Amino acid sequence: MDEKILESLNKIRPGLQADGGDVEFVSFEDGVVKVRLMGACSGCPMAQMTLKMGIERQLKKDVPEVKEVVAV
């Protein structure tokens, strides 16, 4: 499961890095993926939108077992 999540995050990563940010996979448990937003993403006012509309949407599409993505 972790491998599928990492592959999905790698699709999103170039867009985040282009804006000076990045995302790190922390864990997956009971359908919830925990990630750490880094770089410019960690303090960005749009971070919550990036998390839900970008990262969560892509992960749910690629990995149907994902129910939610949260930042830690």
N, C-alpha and C. Protein backbone atom coordinates (compact mmCIF):
# COMPACT_ATOMS: atom_id res chain seq x y z
N MET A 1 0.83 -1.20 0.00
CA MET A 1 0.00 0.00 0.00
C MET A 1 0.88 1.26 0.00
N ASP A 2 1.91 1.25 0.83
CA ASP A 2 2.80 2.42 0.90
C ASP A 2 3.39 2.73 -0.47
N GLU A 3 3.73 1.69 -1.21
CA GLU A 3 4.33 1.86 -2.54
C GLU A 3 3.37 2.59 -3.48
N LYS A 4 2.09 2.21 -3.46
CA LYS A 4 1.09 2.85 -4.30
C LYS A 4 0.91 4.32 -3.92
N ILE A 5 0.94 4.60 -2.64
CA ILE A 5 0.79 5.97 -2.17
C ILE A 5 1.99 6.81 -2.61
N LEU A 6 3.18 6.26 -2.47
CA LEU A 6 4.39 6.98 -2.88
C LEU A 6 4.40 7.25 -4.38
N GLU A 7 3.95 6.28 -5.17
CA GLU A 7 3.87 6.49 -6.62
C GLU A 7 2.91 7.63 -6.95
N SER A 8 1.79 7.68 -6.25
CA SER A 8 0.81 8.74 -6.49
C SER A 8 1.37 10.10 -6.08
N LEU A 9 2.05 10.15 -4.94
CA LEU A 9 2.64 11.41 -4.48
C LEU A 9 3.70 11.90 -5.46
N ASN A 10 4.40 10.97 -6.10
CA ASN A 10 5.43 11.36 -7.06
C ASN A 10 4.84 12.05 -8.29
N LYS A 11 3.56 11.82 -8.57
CA LYS A 11 2.89 12.52 -9.66
C LYS A 11 2.64 13.98 -9.30
N ILE A 12 2.41 14.24 -8.03
CA ILE A 12 2.07 15.58 -7.53
C ILE A 12 3.33 16.39 -7.23
N ARG A 13 4.36 15.71 -6.81
CA ARG A 13 5.59 16.35 -6.33
C ARG A 13 6.18 17.41 -7.25
N PRO A 14 6.29 17.19 -8.58
CA PRO A 14 6.89 18.22 -9.44
C PRO A 14 6.16 19.57 -9.37
N GLY A 15 4.85 19.55 -9.29
CA GLY A 15 4.09 20.80 -9.19
C GLY A 15 4.36 21.52 -7.89
N LEU A 16 4.47 20.77 -6.81
CA LEU A 16 4.77 21.37 -5.51
C LEU A 16 6.19 21.94 -5.50
N GLN A 17 7.12 21.18 -6.05
CA GLN A 17 8.52 21.62 -6.06
C GLN A 17 8.71 22.85 -6.94
N ALA A 18 7.90 22.98 -7.98
CA ALA A 18 7.99 24.15 -8.86
C ALA A 18 7.65 25.43 -8.09
N ASP A 19 6.84 25.30 -7.04
CA ASP A 19 6.46 26.44 -6.21
C ASP A 19 7.30 26.53 -4.94
N GLY A 20 8.35 25.73 -4.84
CA GLY A 20 9.24 25.79 -3.69
C GLY A 20 8.80 24.93 -2.52
N GLY A 21 7.87 24.01 -2.75
CA GLY A 21 7.39 23.16 -1.67
C GLY A 21 7.66 21.70 -1.96
N ASP A 22 7.10 20.86 -1.11
CA ASP A 22 7.22 19.41 -1.29
C ASP A 22 6.26 18.73 -0.32
N VAL A 23 6.11 17.43 -0.48
CA VAL A 23 5.25 16.65 0.40
C VAL A 23 6.00 15.38 0.78
N GLU A 24 5.87 14.99 2.05
CA GLU A 24 6.52 13.79 2.56
C GLU A 24 5.46 12.86 3.11
N PHE A 25 5.48 11.60 2.69
CA PHE A 25 4.57 10.58 3.21
C PHE A 25 5.00 10.20 4.62
N VAL A 26 4.05 10.23 5.56
CA VAL A 26 4.35 9.88 6.95
C VAL A 26 3.80 8.49 7.28
N SER A 27 2.49 8.28 7.05
CA SER A 27 1.91 6.97 7.37
C SER A 27 0.55 6.79 6.71
N PHE A 28 0.09 5.54 6.72
CA PHE A 28 -1.24 5.19 6.22
C PHE A 28 -1.87 4.24 7.23
N GLU A 29 -3.05 4.62 7.74
CA GLU A 29 -3.72 3.78 8.72
C GLU A 29 -5.22 4.02 8.64
N ASP A 30 -6.00 2.95 8.56
CA ASP A 30 -7.46 3.01 8.52
C ASP A 30 -7.99 3.96 7.45
N GLY A 31 -7.37 3.96 6.28
CA GLY A 31 -7.83 4.78 5.17
C GLY A 31 -7.35 6.22 5.20
N VAL A 32 -6.59 6.59 6.23
CA VAL A 32 -6.11 7.97 6.37
C VAL A 32 -4.62 8.03 6.07
N VAL A 33 -4.28 8.88 5.11
CA VAL A 33 -2.88 9.10 4.76
C VAL A 33 -2.41 10.35 5.50
N LYS A 34 -1.31 10.24 6.20
CA LYS A 34 -0.72 11.39 6.88
C LYS A 34 0.50 11.82 6.08
N VAL A 35 0.54 13.13 5.78
CA VAL A 35 1.64 13.69 5.03
C VAL A 35 2.17 14.92 5.76
N ARG A 36 3.39 15.29 5.43
CA ARG A 36 4.00 16.50 5.96
C ARG A 36 4.28 17.42 4.78
N LEU A 37 3.70 18.62 4.82
CA LEU A 37 3.97 19.61 3.78
C LEU A 37 5.27 20.32 4.16
N MET A 38 6.16 20.48 3.20
CA MET A 38 7.48 21.04 3.48
C MET A 38 7.77 22.23 2.59
N GLY A 39 8.82 22.95 2.91
CA GLY A 39 9.23 24.09 2.11
C GLY A 39 8.18 25.17 2.11
N ALA A 40 7.95 25.76 0.96
CA ALA A 40 6.98 26.86 0.85
C ALA A 40 5.57 26.39 1.21
N CYS A 41 5.28 25.11 1.04
CA CYS A 41 3.95 24.58 1.33
C CYS A 41 3.64 24.61 2.83
N SER A 42 4.65 24.51 3.66
CA SER A 42 4.40 24.41 5.11
C SER A 42 3.80 25.68 5.69
N GLY A 43 4.07 26.83 5.11
CA GLY A 43 3.53 28.06 5.66
C GLY A 43 2.58 28.79 4.73
N CYS A 44 2.23 28.15 3.65
CA CYS A 44 1.40 28.79 2.63
C CYS A 44 -0.06 28.87 3.07
N PRO A 45 -0.71 30.03 2.85
CA PRO A 45 -2.13 30.14 3.20
C PRO A 45 -3.01 29.21 2.36
N MET A 46 -2.52 28.76 1.22
CA MET A 46 -3.30 27.87 0.35
C MET A 46 -2.99 26.39 0.62
N ALA A 47 -2.24 26.12 1.66
CA ALA A 47 -1.81 24.74 1.94
C ALA A 47 -2.99 23.80 2.12
N GLN A 48 -4.04 24.23 2.79
CA GLN A 48 -5.20 23.35 3.02
C GLN A 48 -5.88 23.00 1.70
N MET A 49 -5.96 23.98 0.79
CA MET A 49 -6.55 23.71 -0.52
C MET A 49 -5.67 22.75 -1.31
N THR A 50 -4.36 22.96 -1.25
CA THR A 50 -3.42 22.06 -1.92
C THR A 50 -3.58 20.65 -1.38
N LEU A 51 -3.72 20.54 -0.07
CA LEU A 51 -3.85 19.24 0.57
C LEU A 51 -5.11 18.52 0.11
N LYS A 52 -6.24 19.20 0.15
CA LYS A 52 -7.52 18.56 -0.16
C LYS A 52 -7.81 18.46 -1.66
N MET A 53 -7.62 19.55 -2.38
CA MET A 53 -7.99 19.56 -3.79
C MET A 53 -6.90 18.99 -4.70
N GLY A 54 -5.68 18.96 -4.24
CA GLY A 54 -4.59 18.43 -5.05
C GLY A 54 -4.15 17.05 -4.59
N ILE A 55 -3.57 16.99 -3.42
CA ILE A 55 -2.99 15.75 -2.92
C ILE A 55 -4.06 14.70 -2.65
N GLU A 56 -5.09 15.06 -1.89
CA GLU A 56 -6.12 14.09 -1.55
C GLU A 56 -6.86 13.59 -2.80
N ARG A 57 -7.19 14.49 -3.68
CA ARG A 57 -7.90 14.10 -4.91
C ARG A 57 -7.08 13.09 -5.72
N GLN A 58 -5.78 13.36 -5.89
CA GLN A 58 -4.92 12.45 -6.67
C GLN A 58 -4.79 11.10 -5.97
N LEU A 59 -4.59 11.12 -4.66
CA LEU A 59 -4.43 9.86 -3.94
C LEU A 59 -5.70 9.01 -4.00
N LYS A 60 -6.86 9.64 -3.84
CA LYS A 60 -8.12 8.88 -3.91
C LYS A 60 -8.32 8.28 -5.30
N LYS A 61 -7.90 9.00 -6.31
CA LYS A 61 -8.01 8.52 -7.68
C LYS A 61 -7.11 7.31 -7.92
N ASP A 62 -5.87 7.40 -7.45
CA ASP A 62 -4.88 6.35 -7.69
C ASP A 62 -4.98 5.18 -6.72
N VAL A 63 -5.42 5.45 -5.48
CA VAL A 63 -5.45 4.43 -4.44
C VAL A 63 -6.84 4.46 -3.79
N PRO A 64 -7.77 3.65 -4.28
CA PRO A 64 -9.15 3.70 -3.79
C PRO A 64 -9.31 3.46 -2.28
N GLU A 65 -8.33 2.83 -1.65
CA GLU A 65 -8.41 2.58 -0.21
C GLU A 65 -8.27 3.85 0.62
N VAL A 66 -7.77 4.91 0.02
CA VAL A 66 -7.58 6.19 0.72
C VAL A 66 -8.92 6.88 0.90
N LYS A 67 -9.22 7.22 2.16
CA LYS A 67 -10.47 7.93 2.48
C LYS A 67 -10.23 9.41 2.74
N GLU A 68 -9.05 9.72 3.29
CA GLU A 68 -8.75 11.09 3.68
C GLU A 68 -7.24 11.30 3.71
N VAL A 69 -6.84 12.55 3.51
CA VAL A 69 -5.43 12.92 3.66
C VAL A 69 -5.36 14.06 4.66
N VAL A 70 -4.48 13.92 5.64
CA VAL A 70 -4.31 14.96 6.66
C VAL A 70 -2.83 15.34 6.77
N ALA A 71 -2.60 16.59 7.12
CA ALA A 71 -1.24 17.08 7.33
C ALA A 71 -0.88 16.91 8.80
N VAL A 72 0.34 16.53 9.05
CA VAL A 72 0.83 16.39 10.43
C VAL A 72 2.06 17.23 10.64
